Amino acid sequence: MTTMLKGIAASSGVAVAKAYLLVQPDLSFETVTVENIENEEARLEAALSAAQSELQIIKDKAVDSLGEEAAAVFDAHMMVLADPDMTAQIKATIESKKVNAEAALKEITDMFIAIFEGMEDNAYMQERAADIRDVTKRVMANLLGVKLPSPALINEEVIIVAEDLTPSDTAQLDKRYVKAFVTNIGGRTSHSAIMARTLEIPAVLGTNNITELVSEGQLMAVSGLTGEVVLDPTPEQQSEFHAAGEAYAAQKAEWAALKDAETVTADGKHFELAANIGTPKDVEGVNDNGAEAIGLYRTEFLYMDAQDFPTEEDQYEAYKAVLEGMDGKPVVVRTMDIGGDKTLPYFDLPEEMNPFLGWRALRISLSNSGDAMFRTQLRALLRASVHGTLRIMFPMVALVTEFRAAKKIYDEEKAKLIAEGVPVAENIEVGIMIEIPAAAMLADQFAKEVDFFSIGTNDLIQYTMAADRMNEQVSYLYQPYNPSILRLINNVVKAAHAEGKWAGMCGEMAGDQTAVPLLMGIGLDEFSMSATSVLQTRALMKRLDSKKMEELSNKALTECATMEEVVALVEEYTK
């Protein structure tokens, strides 16, 4: 029977394929007394061998998508599997206690995990406990004959169905086979949505219960354009989805013709269209989509994809690759933004009641425990600056004194490098991300000291509305076009211009086709978005008159009381 669901359209595109459930299977079992010891040992050997083969494939895929260093975790997993001591102890337990392989595996691995976790002063050993836990899960799944989901092992066209997708899950996705994904939670600004747009995979998020409704292999139709998901679509519905997919592909081809065009309005006003990236590999997509700059390089993925703090040299190479890849076009690099929902296994973040309002980003960088990490990153950036046009941005700034403290450290590291005879570019701009309402309100004072602003609307909106953007219950409050948000943005842009500085936006709102006309009217200088939104935005700007958009934004700022009124006004002005 056909079932229809509606979620949040998070990444454009259309797909019809079979479901692949990326949910953890039930690995419970009963302890059984066995007579045939040899049979249990053979089952164990087969499960160990199958797990080894799976991990090799996953590792090879991870090397391709993440690089050797990030894939090294799978080497550790394979070493655990090949440990003769552990295997011998599991077999000895089967023989002495006459229990099934599942029970023996659990008993011995639980013992090893407890030993390693007990070594509280040895981070390396504690990490081995996590490796054993992961490997045990894989071997247990093979013993029980159930499938442990591994996106890297997919080798046919599927639609991924999950509670949510982690960055490491998304990094394993192969675009040749993964045609779309649908999740229970998340929205347009969640990491899974941002990565889906980077990978150009259609995505519908926030369906609440898709994982409960879909069976493995069930046929699905998904539209990342409308947020519609259909289970067991009829042949007619399949045809409709295929037609919508073809129309979207034709539209994309039309936009592609604008790749090398200048971003100008119908009346000749120029805006800078930039792209957001997470890794040096994303630069190719930036250039393929004709972006004029990188408006946000999220450097935290350098930290999240490593087993320890990335060295100055590792970071220098990454920043150099991005700057060189952009061939002189500006690159805004955001300093490390860890905290909130982004954690590091090797950095001890405190448990907090509300981590989004807690110890994160620049707050960590300016603390005693984050100072060395911050200085290392700044040195790497300063050294890389000679390879392109670098702009450095500090995230999560609430106070002018925080900016001054960060700028002082920057100045100190710059002076040290110059004293060491290391070349550093002359023209590095240093700015801040405006994502806290306090900074937006005090923009006139910040503008006297910074070189630029970049507005991070993903957080600015949730902080202004006091509504967690990941919480489905309050998702109605995530309102980019609410007059209150527009007034804050207007305040920031006008404050920047009053001091002769430029203001950009790197939140997802910058590529939102309803928001773009309003932001043009407000006078935003630079729009930075997922690379895949650049050409669509250029096409939109090309047909709009900047004077008319100014009139639109003035009306929205002074006459509208609700988001709905603003949307209606935009529709009226952009017909």
Protein backbone atom coordinates (compact mmCIF):
# COMPACT_ATOMS: atom_id res chain seq x y z
CA MET A 1 0.00 0.00 0.00
CA THR A 2 1.29 3.44 -0.93
CA THR A 3 2.22 5.71 2.01
CA MET A 4 3.03 9.43 1.69
CA LEU A 5 5.14 11.44 4.13
CA LYS A 6 6.27 15.03 4.28
CA GLY A 7 9.62 16.18 5.63
CA ILE A 8 11.97 19.12 5.24
CA ALA A 9 13.38 19.53 1.73
CA ALA A 10 17.06 19.80 2.65
CA SER A 11 18.99 19.05 -0.55
CA SER A 12 17.57 19.37 -4.07
CA GLY A 13 17.05 16.46 -6.42
CA VAL A 14 14.70 13.52 -6.99
CA ALA A 15 15.26 9.77 -6.62
CA VAL A 16 13.37 6.47 -6.89
CA ALA A 17 15.20 3.44 -5.44
CA LYS A 18 15.12 0.73 -2.76
CA ALA A 19 15.47 1.59 0.92
CA TYR A 20 18.70 0.88 2.78
CA LEU A 21 18.11 1.04 6.54
CA LEU A 22 21.03 2.64 8.32
CA VAL A 23 19.79 1.64 11.77
CA GLN A 24 21.49 -0.48 14.38
CA PRO A 25 20.19 -4.09 14.39
CA ASP A 26 19.21 -6.05 17.49
CA LEU A 27 22.37 -7.87 18.64
CA SER A 28 20.81 -9.61 21.65
CA PHE A 29 21.28 -13.39 22.00
CA GLU A 30 20.72 -16.22 24.46
CA THR A 31 23.56 -18.09 26.13
CA VAL A 32 23.28 -21.72 25.08
CA THR A 33 25.13 -24.84 26.22
CA VAL A 34 26.74 -26.53 23.21
CA GLU A 35 28.06 -30.04 22.60
CA ASN A 36 29.76 -29.47 19.26
CA ILE A 37 32.75 -27.31 20.28
CA GLU A 38 34.37 -27.52 16.84
CA ASN A 39 31.26 -26.16 15.18
CA GLU A 40 31.18 -23.10 17.50
CA GLU A 41 34.88 -22.42 16.90
CA ALA A 42 34.30 -22.68 13.14
CA ARG A 43 31.38 -20.20 13.44
CA LEU A 44 33.68 -17.82 15.35
CA GLU A 45 36.45 -18.10 12.71
CA ALA A 46 33.92 -17.46 9.90
CA ALA A 47 32.53 -14.39 11.70
CA LEU A 48 36.06 -13.01 12.33
CA SER A 49 36.98 -13.54 8.68
CA ALA A 50 33.79 -11.87 7.39
CA ALA A 51 34.32 -8.89 9.72
CA GLN A 52 37.93 -8.56 8.47
CA SER A 53 36.74 -8.48 4.81
CA GLU A 54 34.07 -5.86 5.60
CA LEU A 55 36.56 -3.64 7.41
CA GLN A 56 39.04 -3.83 4.52
CA ILE A 57 36.37 -2.58 2.09
CA ILE A 58 35.28 0.18 4.49
CA LYS A 59 38.91 1.23 5.02
CA ASP A 60 39.59 1.39 1.26
CA LYS A 61 36.50 3.58 0.75
CA ALA A 62 37.48 5.81 3.70
CA VAL A 63 40.98 6.33 2.25
CA ASP A 64 39.37 7.57 -0.98
CA SER A 65 36.90 9.92 0.69
CA LEU A 66 38.72 11.00 3.88
CA GLY A 67 42.43 10.32 3.27
CA GLU A 68 44.93 7.91 4.85
CA GLU A 69 45.11 9.57 8.26
CA ALA A 70 41.38 9.55 8.97
CA ALA A 71 41.09 5.96 7.70
CA ALA A 72 43.76 4.77 10.14
CA VAL A 73 41.05 3.98 12.73
CA PHE A 74 40.08 0.95 10.63
CA ASP A 75 43.66 -0.37 10.81
CA ALA A 76 43.26 -0.36 14.59
CA HIS A 77 39.99 -2.29 14.23
CA MET A 78 41.64 -4.90 11.98
CA MET A 79 44.49 -5.30 14.47
CA VAL A 80 41.94 -6.10 17.18
CA LEU A 81 40.35 -8.73 14.92
CA ALA A 82 43.73 -10.32 14.19
CA ASP A 83 44.81 -10.45 17.87
CA PRO A 84 45.64 -14.17 18.46
CA ASP A 85 45.48 -13.76 22.25
CA MET A 86 41.87 -12.53 22.20
CA THR A 87 40.77 -15.23 19.73
CA ALA A 88 42.50 -17.93 21.83
CA GLN A 89 40.72 -16.73 24.99
CA ILE A 90 37.31 -16.76 23.25
CA LYS A 91 37.94 -20.32 22.01
CA ALA A 92 39.13 -21.37 25.47
CA THR A 93 35.87 -20.05 26.95
CA ILE A 94 33.81 -22.01 24.39
CA GLU A 95 35.75 -25.18 25.33
CA SER A 96 35.80 -24.75 29.12
CA LYS A 97 32.25 -23.45 29.60
CA LYS A 98 30.67 -25.25 26.63
CA VAL A 99 28.86 -22.04 25.60
CA ASN A 100 27.95 -20.69 22.17
CA ALA A 101 30.39 -18.39 20.33
CA GLU A 102 28.19 -15.32 21.00
CA ALA A 103 28.40 -15.77 24.80
CA ALA A 104 32.16 -16.44 24.72
CA LEU A 105 32.80 -13.42 22.46
CA LYS A 106 30.85 -11.12 24.81
CA GLU A 107 32.52 -12.44 27.98
CA ILE A 108 36.10 -12.00 26.73
CA THR A 109 35.61 -8.68 24.93
CA ASP A 110 33.74 -7.22 27.94
CA MET A 111 36.77 -8.18 30.06
CA PHE A 112 39.22 -6.46 27.68
CA ILE A 113 37.01 -3.35 27.44
CA ALA A 114 36.81 -3.11 31.25
CA ILE A 115 40.61 -3.41 31.57
CA PHE A 116 41.33 -0.72 28.98
CA GLU A 117 38.62 1.65 30.23
CA GLY A 118 40.09 1.32 33.72
CA MET A 119 43.36 2.89 32.54
CA GLU A 120 42.08 6.42 33.14
CA ASP A 121 45.47 8.09 32.76
CA ASN A 122 46.14 6.44 29.40
CA ALA A 123 44.09 7.96 26.57
CA TYR A 124 45.59 5.54 24.01
CA MET A 125 44.38 2.49 25.95
CA GLN A 126 40.94 4.03 26.46
CA GLU A 127 40.67 4.48 22.68
CA ARG A 128 41.49 0.74 22.29
CA ALA A 129 38.40 0.00 24.42
CA ALA A 130 36.28 1.88 21.86
CA ASP A 131 37.96 -0.09 19.04
CA ILE A 132 37.16 -3.41 20.72
CA ARG A 133 33.54 -2.34 21.26
CA ASP A 134 33.14 -1.48 17.56
CA VAL A 135 34.81 -4.67 16.36
CA THR A 136 32.79 -6.85 18.74
CA LYS A 137 29.58 -5.39 17.31
CA ARG A 138 30.70 -6.34 13.78
CA VAL A 139 31.71 -9.91 14.72
CA MET A 140 28.49 -10.37 16.74
CA ALA A 141 26.39 -9.26 13.75
CA ASN A 142 28.10 -11.88 11.59
CA LEU A 143 27.55 -14.60 14.22
CA LEU A 144 23.85 -13.69 14.48
CA GLY A 145 23.46 -13.42 10.69
CA VAL A 146 22.19 -9.84 10.85
CA LYS A 147 23.45 -6.92 8.77
CA LEU A 148 25.43 -4.19 10.45
CA PRO A 149 24.81 -1.10 8.33
CA SER A 150 27.94 0.12 6.55
CA PRO A 151 27.35 2.82 3.95
CA ALA A 152 30.78 2.07 2.44
CA LEU A 153 29.65 -1.46 1.49
CA ILE A 154 26.68 -0.33 -0.63
CA ASN A 155 27.08 -1.45 -4.24
CA GLU A 156 23.59 -0.90 -5.74
CA GLU A 157 21.30 2.12 -6.10
CA VAL A 158 19.59 2.84 -2.76
CA ILE A 159 17.93 5.52 -0.65
CA ILE A 160 19.44 5.67 2.84
CA VAL A 161 16.93 5.76 5.71
CA ALA A 162 18.27 6.69 9.16
CA GLU A 163 17.51 8.40 12.47
CA ASP A 164 20.20 10.93 11.51
CA LEU A 165 23.49 10.83 9.61
CA THR A 166 26.81 11.60 11.29
CA PRO A 167 29.63 13.33 9.37
CA SER A 168 31.50 9.97 9.26
CA ASP A 169 28.39 8.21 7.88
CA THR A 170 28.04 10.89 5.20
CA ALA A 171 31.74 10.68 4.31
CA GLN A 172 31.27 6.98 3.46
CA LEU A 173 28.44 7.64 0.99
CA ASP A 174 29.20 6.83 -2.64
CA LYS A 175 27.19 9.10 -4.95
CA ARG A 176 27.10 6.40 -7.65
CA TYR A 177 24.90 4.25 -5.42
CA VAL A 178 23.34 6.52 -2.78
CA LYS A 179 20.59 8.32 -4.67
CA ALA A 180 19.03 10.14 -1.69
CA PHE A 181 18.64 10.00 2.06
CA VAL A 182 15.72 10.45 4.43
CA THR A 183 15.99 10.88 8.22
CA ASN A 184 13.76 11.11 11.28
CA ILE A 185 15.42 14.26 12.63
CA GLY A 186 17.32 17.31 11.37
CA GLY A 187 16.57 20.34 9.25
CA ARG A 188 18.02 22.49 6.47
CA THR A 189 20.86 23.71 8.68
CA SER A 190 21.93 20.38 10.25
CA HIS A 191 25.34 18.94 9.32
CA SER A 192 23.76 16.07 7.39
CA ALA A 193 21.83 18.59 5.23
CA ILE A 194 24.89 20.73 4.59
CA MET A 195 26.97 17.68 3.61
CA ALA A 196 24.15 16.37 1.39
CA ARG A 197 24.16 19.63 -0.55
CA THR A 198 27.96 19.50 -0.83
CA LEU A 199 27.74 15.93 -2.20
CA GLU A 200 24.70 16.87 -4.34
CA ILE A 201 22.62 14.03 -2.90
CA PRO A 202 18.85 14.73 -2.57
CA ALA A 203 17.76 14.74 1.09
CA VAL A 204 14.52 14.96 3.05
CA LEU A 205 15.00 15.35 6.81
CA GLY A 206 12.80 15.64 9.90
CA THR A 207 10.13 13.08 8.91
CA ASN A 208 9.90 12.01 12.60
CA ASN A 209 9.34 8.27 12.05
CA ILE A 210 10.54 7.12 8.62
CA THR A 211 12.72 4.39 10.19
CA GLU A 212 9.61 2.78 11.74
CA LEU A 213 7.63 2.80 8.49
CA VAL A 214 10.19 1.48 5.99
CA SER A 215 11.41 -2.08 5.47
CA GLU A 216 14.81 -2.99 4.03
CA GLY A 217 14.61 -3.07 0.22
CA GLN A 218 11.19 -1.38 0.03
CA LEU A 219 10.76 0.88 -3.02
CA MET A 220 10.75 4.60 -2.24
CA ALA A 221 10.38 7.86 -4.16
CA VAL A 222 11.99 10.99 -2.66
CA SER A 223 11.87 14.64 -3.67
CA GLY A 224 14.47 16.92 -2.08
CA LEU A 225 12.70 19.76 -3.92
CA THR A 226 9.31 19.42 -2.17
CA GLY A 227 10.12 17.32 0.92
CA GLU A 228 7.78 14.53 -0.26
CA VAL A 229 8.53 10.85 0.39
CA VAL A 230 6.37 8.05 -1.05
CA LEU A 231 6.67 4.42 0.08
CA ASP A 232 5.67 1.78 -2.49
CA PRO A 233 4.93 4.39 -5.18
CA THR A 234 2.54 3.34 -7.95
CA PRO A 235 3.93 3.20 -11.53
CA GLU A 236 2.19 6.57 -12.17
CA GLN A 237 3.84 8.15 -9.12
CA GLN A 238 7.23 6.75 -10.15
CA SER A 239 6.77 8.37 -13.58
CA GLU A 240 5.88 11.70 -11.93
CA PHE A 241 9.02 11.61 -9.76
CA HIS A 242 11.21 10.63 -12.73
CA ALA A 243 9.73 13.54 -14.74
CA ALA A 244 10.38 15.96 -11.86
CA GLY A 245 13.98 14.67 -11.70
CA GLU A 246 14.45 15.24 -15.43
CA ALA A 247 12.99 18.76 -15.20
CA TYR A 248 15.37 19.55 -12.33
CA ALA A 249 18.35 18.18 -14.32
CA ALA A 250 17.33 20.42 -17.27
CA GLN A 251 17.11 23.41 -14.90
CA LYS A 252 20.59 22.62 -13.56
CA ALA A 253 21.98 22.49 -17.11
CA GLU A 254 20.48 25.95 -17.71
CA TRP A 255 22.16 27.29 -14.55
CA ALA A 256 25.47 25.64 -15.55
CA ALA A 257 25.66 28.02 -18.52
CA LEU A 258 26.21 30.82 -15.97
CA LYS A 259 29.34 29.20 -14.48
CA ASP A 260 31.75 31.81 -15.82
CA ALA A 261 29.28 34.71 -15.84
CA GLU A 262 29.62 37.72 -13.53
CA THR A 263 27.12 37.96 -10.66
CA VAL A 264 25.19 41.09 -11.62
CA THR A 265 21.59 42.18 -11.21
CA ALA A 266 19.30 43.22 -14.06
CA ASP A 267 20.40 46.83 -13.46
CA GLY A 268 24.12 45.98 -13.35
CA LYS A 269 24.89 45.85 -9.58
CA HIS A 270 27.53 43.29 -8.59
CA PHE A 271 27.34 40.94 -5.58
CA GLU A 272 29.99 38.40 -4.57
CA LEU A 273 28.79 34.78 -4.62
CA ALA A 274 30.92 32.49 -2.48
CA ALA A 275 30.73 28.88 -1.29
CA ASN A 276 31.04 27.14 2.07
CA ILE A 277 33.43 24.18 2.38
CA GLY A 278 34.46 21.61 5.01
CA THR A 279 37.60 20.07 3.47
CA PRO A 280 40.18 20.89 0.76
CA LYS A 281 38.45 18.30 -1.47
CA ASP A 282 35.39 20.57 -1.65
CA VAL A 283 37.35 23.23 -3.62
CA GLU A 284 36.71 21.32 -6.86
CA GLY A 285 32.95 21.72 -6.36
CA VAL A 286 33.41 25.43 -5.60
CA ASN A 287 35.18 25.99 -8.90
CA ASP A 288 32.84 23.70 -10.86
CA ASN A 289 29.91 25.80 -9.66
CA GLY A 290 31.51 29.13 -10.59
CA ALA A 291 31.80 30.59 -7.07
CA GLU A 292 33.85 33.80 -6.83
CA ALA A 293 35.26 33.06 -3.37
CA ILE A 294 35.10 30.74 -0.38
CA GLY A 295 33.06 32.55 2.26
CA LEU A 296 33.45 29.88 4.95
CA TYR A 297 36.02 27.13 5.37
CA ARG A 298 34.86 25.11 8.39
CA THR A 299 38.24 24.03 9.77
CA GLU A 300 36.76 21.88 12.55
CA PHE A 301 36.55 18.93 10.12
CA LEU A 302 40.38 18.90 10.17
CA TYR A 303 40.09 18.20 13.89
CA MET A 304 37.06 15.89 13.73
CA ASP A 305 38.62 13.64 11.08
CA ALA A 306 41.89 13.17 13.02
CA GLN A 307 42.86 10.87 15.89
CA ASP A 308 44.71 13.68 17.67
CA PHE A 309 45.17 17.45 17.37
CA PRO A 310 46.27 18.18 13.78
CA THR A 311 49.84 19.48 13.72
CA GLU A 312 50.84 22.91 12.43
CA GLU A 313 52.27 21.20 9.33
CA ASP A 314 49.05 19.19 8.66
CA GLN A 315 47.01 22.37 8.92
CA TYR A 316 49.42 24.42 6.81
CA GLU A 317 49.17 21.85 3.99
CA ALA A 318 45.34 21.88 4.13
CA TYR A 319 45.08 25.69 4.10
CA LYS A 320 47.72 25.97 1.36
CA ALA A 321 45.79 23.47 -0.80
CA VAL A 322 42.57 25.50 -0.46
CA LEU A 323 44.25 28.87 -1.14
CA GLU A 324 46.13 27.53 -4.15
CA GLY A 325 43.00 25.75 -5.41
CA MET A 326 41.14 29.08 -5.44
CA ASP A 327 43.88 30.69 -7.55
CA GLY A 328 43.91 34.09 -5.85
CA LYS A 329 40.16 34.31 -5.16
CA PRO A 330 39.38 35.22 -1.51
CA VAL A 331 39.12 32.45 1.10
CA VAL A 332 37.51 33.10 4.50
CA VAL A 333 38.81 30.56 7.02
CA ARG A 334 36.88 30.21 10.28
CA THR A 335 39.07 29.26 13.22
CA MET A 336 38.17 26.06 15.04
CA ASP A 337 34.48 25.88 15.97
CA ILE A 338 34.35 22.84 18.28
CA GLY A 339 31.60 22.43 20.89
CA GLY A 340 27.83 22.49 20.60
CA ASP A 341 27.14 19.32 18.59
CA LYS A 342 30.77 18.95 17.41
CA THR A 343 32.99 17.00 19.80
CA LEU A 344 36.51 15.56 19.62
CA PRO A 345 37.35 12.14 21.11
CA TYR A 346 40.80 13.39 22.17
CA PHE A 347 39.70 16.72 23.72
CA ASP A 348 37.83 16.61 27.00
CA LEU A 349 34.75 18.83 26.64
CA PRO A 350 32.67 19.14 29.82
CA GLU A 351 29.15 17.71 30.01
CA GLU A 352 26.91 20.77 29.75
CA MET A 353 23.19 21.39 30.19
CA ASN A 354 23.13 23.37 26.95
CA PRO A 355 26.33 22.95 24.91
CA PHE A 356 25.13 25.35 22.18
CA LEU A 357 25.20 28.11 24.79
CA GLY A 358 28.30 26.75 26.47
CA TRP A 359 32.03 26.39 26.13
CA ARG A 360 32.61 26.34 22.38
CA ALA A 361 34.45 27.92 19.43
CA LEU A 362 36.42 31.08 20.36
CA ARG A 363 35.56 30.57 24.03
CA ILE A 364 37.72 27.41 23.94
CA SER A 365 40.44 29.10 21.85
CA LEU A 366 40.82 31.91 24.41
CA SER A 367 40.94 29.55 27.41
CA ASN A 368 44.10 28.11 28.99
CA SER A 369 43.37 24.65 27.63
CA GLY A 370 42.66 25.95 24.10
CA ASP A 371 45.39 28.58 23.79
CA ALA A 372 48.10 26.28 22.34
CA MET A 373 45.64 24.78 19.85
CA PHE A 374 44.56 28.30 18.75
CA ARG A 375 48.15 29.53 18.34
CA THR A 376 49.06 26.45 16.28
CA GLN A 377 46.12 27.08 13.96
CA LEU A 378 46.94 30.79 13.56
CA ARG A 379 50.60 30.01 12.77
CA ALA A 380 49.54 27.50 10.09
CA LEU A 381 47.13 30.05 8.59
CA LEU A 382 49.68 32.86 8.61
CA ARG A 383 52.29 30.65 6.92
CA ALA A 384 49.73 29.58 4.28
CA SER A 385 48.64 33.19 3.63
CA VAL A 386 51.32 33.72 0.96
CA HIS A 387 49.61 31.13 -1.27
CA GLY A 388 46.44 33.12 -1.95
CA THR A 389 44.02 35.73 -0.61
CA LEU A 390 43.34 34.82 3.02
CA ARG A 391 40.67 36.21 5.33
CA ILE A 392 40.52 34.91 8.93
CA MET A 393 37.27 34.83 10.89
CA PHE A 394 36.71 34.23 14.61
CA PRO A 395 33.45 32.39 15.49
CA MET A 396 31.04 32.81 18.41
CA VAL A 397 32.12 36.33 19.40
CA ALA A 398 29.83 38.03 21.95
CA LEU A 399 32.10 40.77 23.33
CA VAL A 400 34.43 43.34 21.80
CA THR A 401 36.99 42.28 24.43
CA GLU A 402 36.89 38.70 23.04
CA PHE A 403 37.76 39.98 19.56
CA ARG A 404 40.57 42.10 21.00
CA ALA A 405 41.98 39.12 22.90
CA ALA A 406 41.89 36.89 19.79
CA LYS A 407 43.41 39.65 17.62
CA LYS A 408 46.20 40.13 20.19
CA ILE A 409 47.14 36.43 19.96
CA TYR A 410 46.99 36.68 16.16
CA ASP A 411 49.30 39.74 16.22
CA GLU A 412 51.73 37.95 18.57
CA GLU A 413 51.99 34.86 16.36
CA LYS A 414 52.37 37.02 13.24
CA ALA A 415 55.21 39.00 14.86
CA LYS A 416 56.95 35.75 15.93
CA LEU A 417 56.83 34.31 12.41
CA ILE A 418 58.16 37.52 10.85
CA ALA A 419 60.97 37.56 13.44
CA GLU A 420 61.78 33.95 12.44
CA GLY A 421 62.05 35.09 8.82
CA VAL A 422 58.89 33.23 7.75
CA PRO A 423 57.03 35.07 4.94
CA VAL A 424 53.50 36.23 5.80
CA ALA A 425 51.06 38.00 3.44
CA GLU A 426 50.55 41.73 3.95
CA ASN A 427 46.85 41.94 3.17
CA ILE A 428 45.15 39.42 5.52
CA GLU A 429 41.73 40.62 6.63
CA VAL A 430 40.60 39.60 10.14
CA GLY A 431 36.88 39.59 10.90
CA ILE A 432 34.23 37.95 13.01
CA MET A 433 31.23 35.73 12.51
CA ILE A 434 28.08 37.45 13.73
CA GLU A 435 25.93 34.70 15.21
CA ILE A 436 25.15 36.06 18.69
CA PRO A 437 22.43 38.75 18.93
CA ALA A 438 24.63 40.77 21.35
CA ALA A 439 27.26 41.18 18.60
CA ALA A 440 24.61 42.00 15.99
CA MET A 441 23.23 44.76 18.23
CA LEU A 442 26.71 46.15 18.93
CA ALA A 443 27.87 45.89 15.30
CA ASP A 444 28.59 49.64 15.10
CA GLN A 445 31.30 49.25 17.77
CA PHE A 446 32.71 46.00 16.36
CA ALA A 447 32.88 47.61 12.89
CA LYS A 448 35.48 50.11 14.14
CA GLU A 449 37.89 47.23 14.90
CA VAL A 450 37.22 44.33 12.51
CA ASP A 451 37.95 44.16 8.77
CA PHE A 452 34.65 42.42 7.91
CA PHE A 453 31.55 40.69 9.23
CA SER A 454 30.14 37.34 8.10
CA ILE A 455 26.66 36.64 9.45
CA GLY A 456 26.12 33.05 10.61
CA THR A 457 22.35 32.85 10.40
CA ASN A 458 22.08 29.17 11.40
CA ASP A 459 22.92 30.10 14.99
CA LEU A 460 21.80 33.74 14.90
CA ILE A 461 18.23 32.63 14.20
CA GLN A 462 18.13 29.97 16.91
CA TYR A 463 19.65 32.30 19.50
CA THR A 464 17.32 35.19 18.59
CA MET A 465 14.22 32.96 18.66
CA ALA A 466 15.39 30.93 21.68
CA ALA A 467 14.55 27.83 19.62
CA ASP A 468 16.90 24.86 19.12
CA ARG A 469 17.14 24.39 15.34
CA MET A 470 17.45 20.58 15.78
CA ASN A 471 14.25 20.33 17.87
CA GLU A 472 11.26 19.28 15.77
CA GLN A 473 8.81 20.60 18.41
CA VAL A 474 9.97 24.18 17.94
CA SER A 475 11.00 24.05 14.28
CA TYR A 476 8.16 26.49 13.46
CA LEU A 477 10.24 29.17 15.25
CA TYR A 478 13.20 28.74 12.92
CA GLN A 479 12.16 31.71 10.77
CA PRO A 480 14.86 33.23 8.54
CA TYR A 481 12.40 35.79 7.07
CA ASN A 482 11.00 36.98 10.40
CA PRO A 483 11.21 40.81 10.53
CA SER A 484 13.20 40.58 13.78
CA ILE A 485 15.95 38.58 12.02
CA LEU A 486 15.91 40.93 9.02
CA ARG A 487 16.31 43.93 11.33
CA LEU A 488 19.35 42.36 13.03
CA ILE A 489 20.92 41.61 9.63
CA ASN A 490 20.15 45.15 8.44
CA ASN A 491 21.81 46.56 11.57
CA VAL A 492 25.00 44.56 10.90
CA VAL A 493 25.21 45.50 7.20
CA LYS A 494 24.59 49.22 7.81
CA ALA A 495 27.15 49.27 10.67
CA ALA A 496 29.79 47.67 8.43
CA HIS A 497 29.15 50.11 5.58
CA ALA A 498 29.27 53.13 7.92
CA GLU A 499 32.90 52.19 8.70
CA GLY A 500 33.78 51.32 5.07
CA LYS A 501 33.85 47.57 5.82
CA TRP A 502 32.10 44.74 3.96
CA ALA A 503 29.46 42.36 5.33
CA GLY A 504 28.83 38.84 4.12
CA MET A 505 26.65 35.92 5.16
CA CYS A 506 27.78 32.30 5.50
CA GLY A 507 24.63 30.82 7.05
CA GLU A 508 22.30 28.70 4.90
CA MET A 509 20.00 31.72 4.53
CA ALA A 510 22.50 33.20 2.03
CA GLY A 511 21.44 30.63 -0.58
CA ASP A 512 17.74 30.63 0.32
CA GLN A 513 15.87 31.76 -2.79
CA THR A 514 13.20 33.61 -0.76
CA ALA A 515 15.81 35.39 1.38
CA VAL A 516 18.17 36.42 -1.45
CA PRO A 517 15.98 39.30 -2.78
CA LEU A 518 15.64 40.70 0.77
CA LEU A 519 19.40 40.44 1.42
CA MET A 520 20.15 42.14 -1.92
CA GLY A 521 17.88 45.02 -0.89
CA ILE A 522 19.52 45.30 2.53
CA GLY A 523 22.89 45.63 0.73
CA LEU A 524 24.68 42.46 1.83
CA ASP A 525 28.00 42.41 -0.08
CA GLU A 526 28.89 38.71 -0.11
CA PHE A 527 26.59 35.65 -0.14
CA SER A 528 28.25 32.35 0.85
CA MET A 529 26.30 29.10 0.52
CA SER A 530 26.57 25.42 -0.41
CA ALA A 531 28.43 25.37 -3.73
CA THR A 532 25.46 23.69 -5.39
CA SER A 533 23.27 26.76 -4.71
CA VAL A 534 25.63 29.28 -6.38
CA LEU A 535 24.43 29.04 -9.99
CA GLN A 536 20.75 29.01 -9.01
CA THR A 537 21.33 32.19 -6.97
CA ARG A 538 23.28 33.84 -9.81
CA ALA A 539 20.35 33.10 -12.16
CA LEU A 540 17.91 34.63 -9.65
CA MET A 541 20.00 37.79 -9.10
CA LYS A 542 20.39 38.24 -12.88
CA ARG A 543 16.66 38.83 -13.29
CA LEU A 544 16.16 41.12 -10.24
CA ASP A 545 16.50 44.90 -10.12
CA SER A 546 18.56 46.03 -7.10
CA LYS A 547 16.58 49.30 -6.63
CA LYS A 548 13.33 47.37 -6.57
CA MET A 549 14.82 44.90 -4.03
CA GLU A 550 15.82 47.88 -1.84
CA GLU A 551 12.19 49.00 -1.87
CA LEU A 552 11.16 45.40 -0.98
CA SER A 553 13.54 45.16 1.99
CA ASN A 554 12.54 48.61 3.32
CA LYS A 555 8.89 47.55 3.30
CA ALA A 556 9.70 44.21 4.97
CA LEU A 557 11.75 45.99 7.67
CA THR A 558 9.23 48.71 8.45
CA GLU A 559 5.77 47.37 7.61
CA CYS A 560 5.77 43.59 8.22
CA ALA A 561 4.97 41.95 11.55
CA THR A 562 5.19 38.26 10.57
CA MET A 563 7.28 35.93 8.45
CA GLU A 564 4.19 35.13 6.34
CA GLU A 565 3.75 38.82 5.47
CA VAL A 566 7.41 39.01 4.41
CA VAL A 567 7.09 35.91 2.18
CA ALA A 568 3.97 37.33 0.50
CA LEU A 569 5.82 40.61 -0.11
CA VAL A 570 8.80 38.79 -1.69
CA GLU A 571 6.45 36.86 -3.99
CA GLU A 572 4.77 40.11 -5.04
CA TYR A 573 8.11 41.82 -5.83
CA THR A 574 9.79 38.90 -7.63
CA LYS A 575 6.97 37.72 -9.89
